Amino acid sequence: MANEHKLEFELTPEVAQGQYANLAIIAHSSSEFILDFAAMLPGMSKAKVKSRVVLTPEHAKRLMLSLQENISRYENNFGTITLNAPKAPSGGGFA
């Protein structure tokens, strides 16, 4: 029987509240991916970055695969997610 490791997470009340983001900017170098999550309010010309996540390329790919799997599960349960015409700045993101 293999040695099983139990991974535990601590979620503080502040982090549990979450941050709303309707825009993501993604940049990368040879050694890391940087994901900036921002909130863009209607009528405003400036988006406020709420959170930044820095990942290794390997973890970025794992994140992508996990998102693909979870989106597939979501769509199987709730129907296809439709996308409106892209409004994101060039360079990546969602709006």
N, C-alpha and C. Protein backbone atom coordinates (compact mmCIF):
# COMPACT_ATOMS: atom_id res chain seq x y z
N MET A 1 0.85 -1.18 0.00
CA MET A 1 0.00 0.00 0.00
C MET A 1 0.89 1.23 0.00
N ALA A 2 0.66 2.12 -0.93
CA ALA A 2 1.48 3.32 -1.07
C ALA A 2 1.26 4.27 0.11
N ASN A 3 2.27 5.02 0.40
CA ASN A 3 2.19 6.02 1.45
C ASN A 3 1.32 7.17 0.96
N GLU A 4 0.15 7.36 1.56
CA GLU A 4 -0.75 8.42 1.13
C GLU A 4 -0.46 9.69 1.91
N HIS A 5 -0.40 10.81 1.18
CA HIS A 5 -0.17 12.09 1.82
C HIS A 5 -1.47 12.87 1.78
N LYS A 6 -1.89 13.39 2.92
CA LYS A 6 -3.10 14.19 2.98
C LYS A 6 -2.68 15.65 2.96
N LEU A 7 -3.20 16.38 1.99
CA LEU A 7 -2.89 17.79 1.86
C LEU A 7 -4.00 18.59 2.51
N GLU A 8 -3.62 19.43 3.46
CA GLU A 8 -4.59 20.27 4.15
C GLU A 8 -4.39 21.71 3.74
N PHE A 9 -5.50 22.46 3.66
CA PHE A 9 -5.46 23.86 3.30
C PHE A 9 -6.02 24.69 4.43
N GLU A 10 -5.41 25.84 4.65
CA GLU A 10 -5.95 26.80 5.61
C GLU A 10 -6.51 27.97 4.82
N LEU A 11 -7.76 28.29 5.07
CA LEU A 11 -8.43 29.38 4.37
C LEU A 11 -8.86 30.41 5.41
N THR A 12 -8.14 31.53 5.44
CA THR A 12 -8.47 32.58 6.41
C THR A 12 -9.76 33.27 5.98
N PRO A 13 -10.47 33.89 6.90
CA PRO A 13 -11.71 34.59 6.55
C PRO A 13 -11.51 35.67 5.47
N GLU A 14 -10.37 36.35 5.52
CA GLU A 14 -10.11 37.40 4.53
C GLU A 14 -9.98 36.82 3.12
N VAL A 15 -9.26 35.71 3.01
CA VAL A 15 -9.08 35.08 1.71
C VAL A 15 -10.37 34.41 1.26
N ALA A 16 -11.13 33.86 2.19
CA ALA A 16 -12.39 33.19 1.88
C ALA A 16 -13.39 34.14 1.23
N GLN A 17 -13.29 35.43 1.51
CA GLN A 17 -14.18 36.42 0.89
C GLN A 17 -13.97 36.49 -0.61
N GLY A 18 -12.75 36.20 -1.07
CA GLY A 18 -12.44 36.23 -2.50
C GLY A 18 -12.28 37.65 -3.02
N GLN A 19 -11.85 37.74 -4.26
CA GLN A 19 -11.71 39.01 -4.97
C GLN A 19 -12.46 38.89 -6.28
N TYR A 20 -13.31 39.84 -6.59
CA TYR A 20 -14.03 39.83 -7.86
C TYR A 20 -13.08 40.31 -8.95
N ALA A 21 -13.06 39.58 -10.07
CA ALA A 21 -12.25 39.99 -11.22
C ALA A 21 -13.04 39.71 -12.49
N ASN A 22 -13.05 40.68 -13.40
CA ASN A 22 -13.68 40.46 -14.70
C ASN A 22 -12.69 40.72 -15.83
N LEU A 23 -11.41 40.76 -15.45
CA LEU A 23 -10.34 40.97 -16.43
C LEU A 23 -9.08 40.28 -15.92
N ALA A 24 -8.39 39.57 -16.80
CA ALA A 24 -7.12 38.95 -16.45
C ALA A 24 -6.10 39.30 -17.51
N ILE A 25 -4.93 39.69 -17.08
CA ILE A 25 -3.81 39.97 -17.97
C ILE A 25 -2.77 38.89 -17.69
N ILE A 26 -2.29 38.26 -18.75
CA ILE A 26 -1.32 37.17 -18.59
C ILE A 26 -0.04 37.55 -19.32
N ALA A 27 1.08 37.44 -18.61
CA ALA A 27 2.39 37.70 -19.19
C ALA A 27 3.29 36.52 -18.82
N HIS A 28 4.41 36.38 -19.53
CA HIS A 28 5.32 35.29 -19.18
C HIS A 28 6.75 35.64 -19.58
N SER A 29 7.66 34.97 -18.91
CA SER A 29 9.08 34.99 -19.25
C SER A 29 9.47 33.54 -19.48
N SER A 30 10.74 33.28 -19.62
CA SER A 30 11.17 31.89 -19.82
C SER A 30 10.98 31.04 -18.56
N SER A 31 10.83 31.67 -17.40
CA SER A 31 10.77 30.91 -16.16
C SER A 31 9.49 31.05 -15.36
N GLU A 32 8.57 31.95 -15.78
CA GLU A 32 7.35 32.12 -14.99
C GLU A 32 6.23 32.72 -15.82
N PHE A 33 5.00 32.46 -15.36
CA PHE A 33 3.80 33.08 -15.90
C PHE A 33 3.25 34.00 -14.82
N ILE A 34 2.82 35.19 -15.19
CA ILE A 34 2.25 36.15 -14.26
C ILE A 34 0.80 36.38 -14.66
N LEU A 35 -0.12 36.14 -13.73
CA LEU A 35 -1.53 36.36 -13.95
C LEU A 35 -1.98 37.50 -13.05
N ASP A 36 -2.40 38.60 -13.65
CA ASP A 36 -2.97 39.72 -12.90
C ASP A 36 -4.47 39.68 -13.08
N PHE A 37 -5.20 39.65 -11.98
CA PHE A 37 -6.65 39.67 -12.00
C PHE A 37 -7.11 41.05 -11.58
N ALA A 38 -7.99 41.66 -12.40
CA ALA A 38 -8.40 43.04 -12.17
C ALA A 38 -9.91 43.16 -12.26
N ALA A 39 -10.41 44.27 -11.76
CA ALA A 39 -11.83 44.60 -11.87
C ALA A 39 -11.96 45.88 -12.68
N MET A 40 -12.73 45.78 -13.76
CA MET A 40 -12.99 46.92 -14.62
C MET A 40 -14.44 47.31 -14.44
N LEU A 41 -14.68 48.51 -13.94
CA LEU A 41 -16.04 48.96 -13.69
C LEU A 41 -16.58 49.72 -14.89
N PRO A 42 -17.87 49.62 -15.16
CA PRO A 42 -18.46 50.34 -16.29
C PRO A 42 -18.21 51.85 -16.18
N GLY A 43 -17.85 52.45 -17.29
CA GLY A 43 -17.62 53.89 -17.32
C GLY A 43 -16.25 54.32 -16.84
N MET A 44 -15.45 53.38 -16.40
CA MET A 44 -14.11 53.71 -15.90
C MET A 44 -13.09 53.31 -16.96
N SER A 45 -12.01 54.09 -17.07
CA SER A 45 -10.99 53.79 -18.07
C SER A 45 -9.78 53.08 -17.46
N LYS A 46 -9.82 52.83 -16.17
CA LYS A 46 -8.70 52.21 -15.48
C LYS A 46 -9.17 50.99 -14.71
N ALA A 47 -8.51 49.85 -14.93
CA ALA A 47 -8.82 48.63 -14.20
C ALA A 47 -7.89 48.54 -12.99
N LYS A 48 -8.43 48.15 -11.85
CA LYS A 48 -7.64 48.01 -10.64
C LYS A 48 -7.26 46.55 -10.44
N VAL A 49 -5.95 46.27 -10.42
CA VAL A 49 -5.47 44.90 -10.18
C VAL A 49 -5.78 44.54 -8.74
N LYS A 50 -6.49 43.41 -8.57
CA LYS A 50 -6.89 42.95 -7.25
C LYS A 50 -5.97 41.86 -6.71
N SER A 51 -5.35 41.10 -7.64
CA SER A 51 -4.51 40.00 -7.21
C SER A 51 -3.54 39.64 -8.32
N ARG A 52 -2.35 39.20 -7.94
CA ARG A 52 -1.34 38.73 -8.88
C ARG A 52 -0.91 37.35 -8.43
N VAL A 53 -0.83 36.43 -9.41
CA VAL A 53 -0.38 35.07 -9.14
C VAL A 53 0.79 34.79 -10.08
N VAL A 54 1.89 34.31 -9.52
CA VAL A 54 3.08 33.97 -10.30
C VAL A 54 3.25 32.46 -10.25
N LEU A 55 3.37 31.84 -11.44
CA LEU A 55 3.45 30.39 -11.55
C LEU A 55 4.65 29.97 -12.40
N THR A 56 5.17 28.79 -12.12
CA THR A 56 6.16 28.20 -13.03
C THR A 56 5.43 27.78 -14.30
N PRO A 57 6.13 27.62 -15.42
CA PRO A 57 5.46 27.15 -16.63
C PRO A 57 4.72 25.82 -16.43
N GLU A 58 5.31 24.90 -15.67
CA GLU A 58 4.67 23.62 -15.42
C GLU A 58 3.37 23.78 -14.67
N HIS A 59 3.36 24.65 -13.64
CA HIS A 59 2.13 24.87 -12.88
C HIS A 59 1.10 25.63 -13.70
N ALA A 60 1.54 26.52 -14.57
CA ALA A 60 0.61 27.23 -15.45
C ALA A 60 -0.11 26.23 -16.36
N LYS A 61 0.63 25.25 -16.88
CA LYS A 61 0.01 24.25 -17.74
C LYS A 61 -0.95 23.37 -16.94
N ARG A 62 -0.57 23.01 -15.72
CA ARG A 62 -1.47 22.24 -14.86
C ARG A 62 -2.75 23.01 -14.58
N LEU A 63 -2.62 24.31 -14.35
CA LEU A 63 -3.79 25.16 -14.13
C LEU A 63 -4.69 25.16 -15.37
N MET A 64 -4.09 25.32 -16.55
CA MET A 64 -4.86 25.30 -17.80
C MET A 64 -5.63 23.99 -17.96
N LEU A 65 -4.96 22.87 -17.73
CA LEU A 65 -5.60 21.56 -17.87
C LEU A 65 -6.72 21.39 -16.84
N SER A 66 -6.49 21.85 -15.63
CA SER A 66 -7.51 21.76 -14.59
C SER A 66 -8.72 22.63 -14.93
N LEU A 67 -8.48 23.83 -15.46
CA LEU A 67 -9.58 24.69 -15.88
C LEU A 67 -10.38 24.04 -17.01
N GLN A 68 -9.67 23.45 -17.99
CA GLN A 68 -10.36 22.77 -19.09
C GLN A 68 -11.26 21.65 -18.56
N GLU A 69 -10.73 20.86 -17.64
CA GLU A 69 -11.51 19.76 -17.07
C GLU A 69 -12.73 20.28 -16.31
N ASN A 70 -12.53 21.32 -15.51
CA ASN A 70 -13.64 21.86 -14.72
C ASN A 70 -14.68 22.56 -15.59
N ILE A 71 -14.27 23.22 -16.64
CA ILE A 71 -15.22 23.85 -17.56
C ILE A 71 -16.04 22.76 -18.25
N SER A 72 -15.41 21.68 -18.64
CA SER A 72 -16.12 20.57 -19.26
C SER A 72 -17.17 20.00 -18.31
N ARG A 73 -16.81 19.80 -17.05
CA ARG A 73 -17.75 19.30 -16.05
C ARG A 73 -18.91 20.29 -15.87
N TYR A 74 -18.59 21.56 -15.79
CA TYR A 74 -19.60 22.61 -15.63
C TYR A 74 -20.59 22.55 -16.79
N GLU A 75 -20.06 22.51 -18.03
CA GLU A 75 -20.92 22.50 -19.21
C GLU A 75 -21.76 21.23 -19.30
N ASN A 76 -21.24 20.12 -18.83
CA ASN A 76 -22.03 18.88 -18.79
C ASN A 76 -23.21 19.02 -17.84
N ASN A 77 -23.03 19.77 -16.76
CA ASN A 77 -24.09 19.95 -15.76
C ASN A 77 -25.04 21.09 -16.08
N PHE A 78 -24.51 22.20 -16.65
CA PHE A 78 -25.31 23.42 -16.77
C PHE A 78 -25.48 23.93 -18.20
N GLY A 79 -24.83 23.32 -19.16
CA GLY A 79 -24.93 23.76 -20.54
C GLY A 79 -23.70 24.54 -20.98
N THR A 80 -23.61 24.75 -22.29
CA THR A 80 -22.46 25.40 -22.89
C THR A 80 -22.33 26.86 -22.43
N ILE A 81 -21.14 27.24 -22.12
CA ILE A 81 -20.83 28.64 -21.79
C ILE A 81 -20.62 29.35 -23.12
N THR A 82 -21.38 30.41 -23.36
CA THR A 82 -21.22 31.16 -24.60
C THR A 82 -20.38 32.40 -24.33
N LEU A 83 -19.57 32.76 -25.30
CA LEU A 83 -18.71 33.93 -25.18
C LEU A 83 -19.22 35.04 -26.09
N ASN A 84 -19.26 36.26 -25.58
CA ASN A 84 -19.57 37.42 -26.39
C ASN A 84 -18.32 37.81 -27.17
N ALA A 85 -18.44 38.76 -28.06
CA ALA A 85 -17.29 39.25 -28.82
C ALA A 85 -16.21 39.69 -27.83
N PRO A 86 -14.95 39.33 -28.08
CA PRO A 86 -13.87 39.67 -27.15
C PRO A 86 -13.70 41.18 -27.00
N LYS A 87 -13.52 41.61 -25.74
CA LYS A 87 -13.28 43.00 -25.42
C LYS A 87 -11.92 43.18 -24.76
N ALA A 88 -11.17 42.08 -24.64
CA ALA A 88 -9.91 42.09 -23.90
C ALA A 88 -8.85 42.85 -24.68
N PRO A 89 -7.92 43.48 -23.95
CA PRO A 89 -6.80 44.12 -24.63
C PRO A 89 -5.92 43.07 -25.28
N SER A 90 -5.18 43.45 -26.32
CA SER A 90 -4.27 42.48 -26.92
C SER A 90 -3.25 42.07 -25.87
N GLY A 91 -2.90 40.82 -25.86
CA GLY A 91 -1.98 40.32 -24.85
C GLY A 91 -2.66 39.32 -23.94
N GLY A 92 -3.97 39.21 -24.04
CA GLY A 92 -4.67 38.19 -23.27
C GLY A 92 -5.51 38.77 -22.16
N GLY A 93 -6.50 38.04 -21.80
CA GLY A 93 -7.36 38.45 -20.71
C GLY A 93 -8.77 38.02 -20.96
N PHE A 94 -9.63 38.35 -20.02
CA PHE A 94 -11.05 38.08 -20.20
C PHE A 94 -11.80 39.29 -19.74
N ALA A 95 -12.97 39.49 -20.28
CA ALA A 95 -13.82 40.63 -19.89
C ALA A 95 -15.26 40.21 -19.90
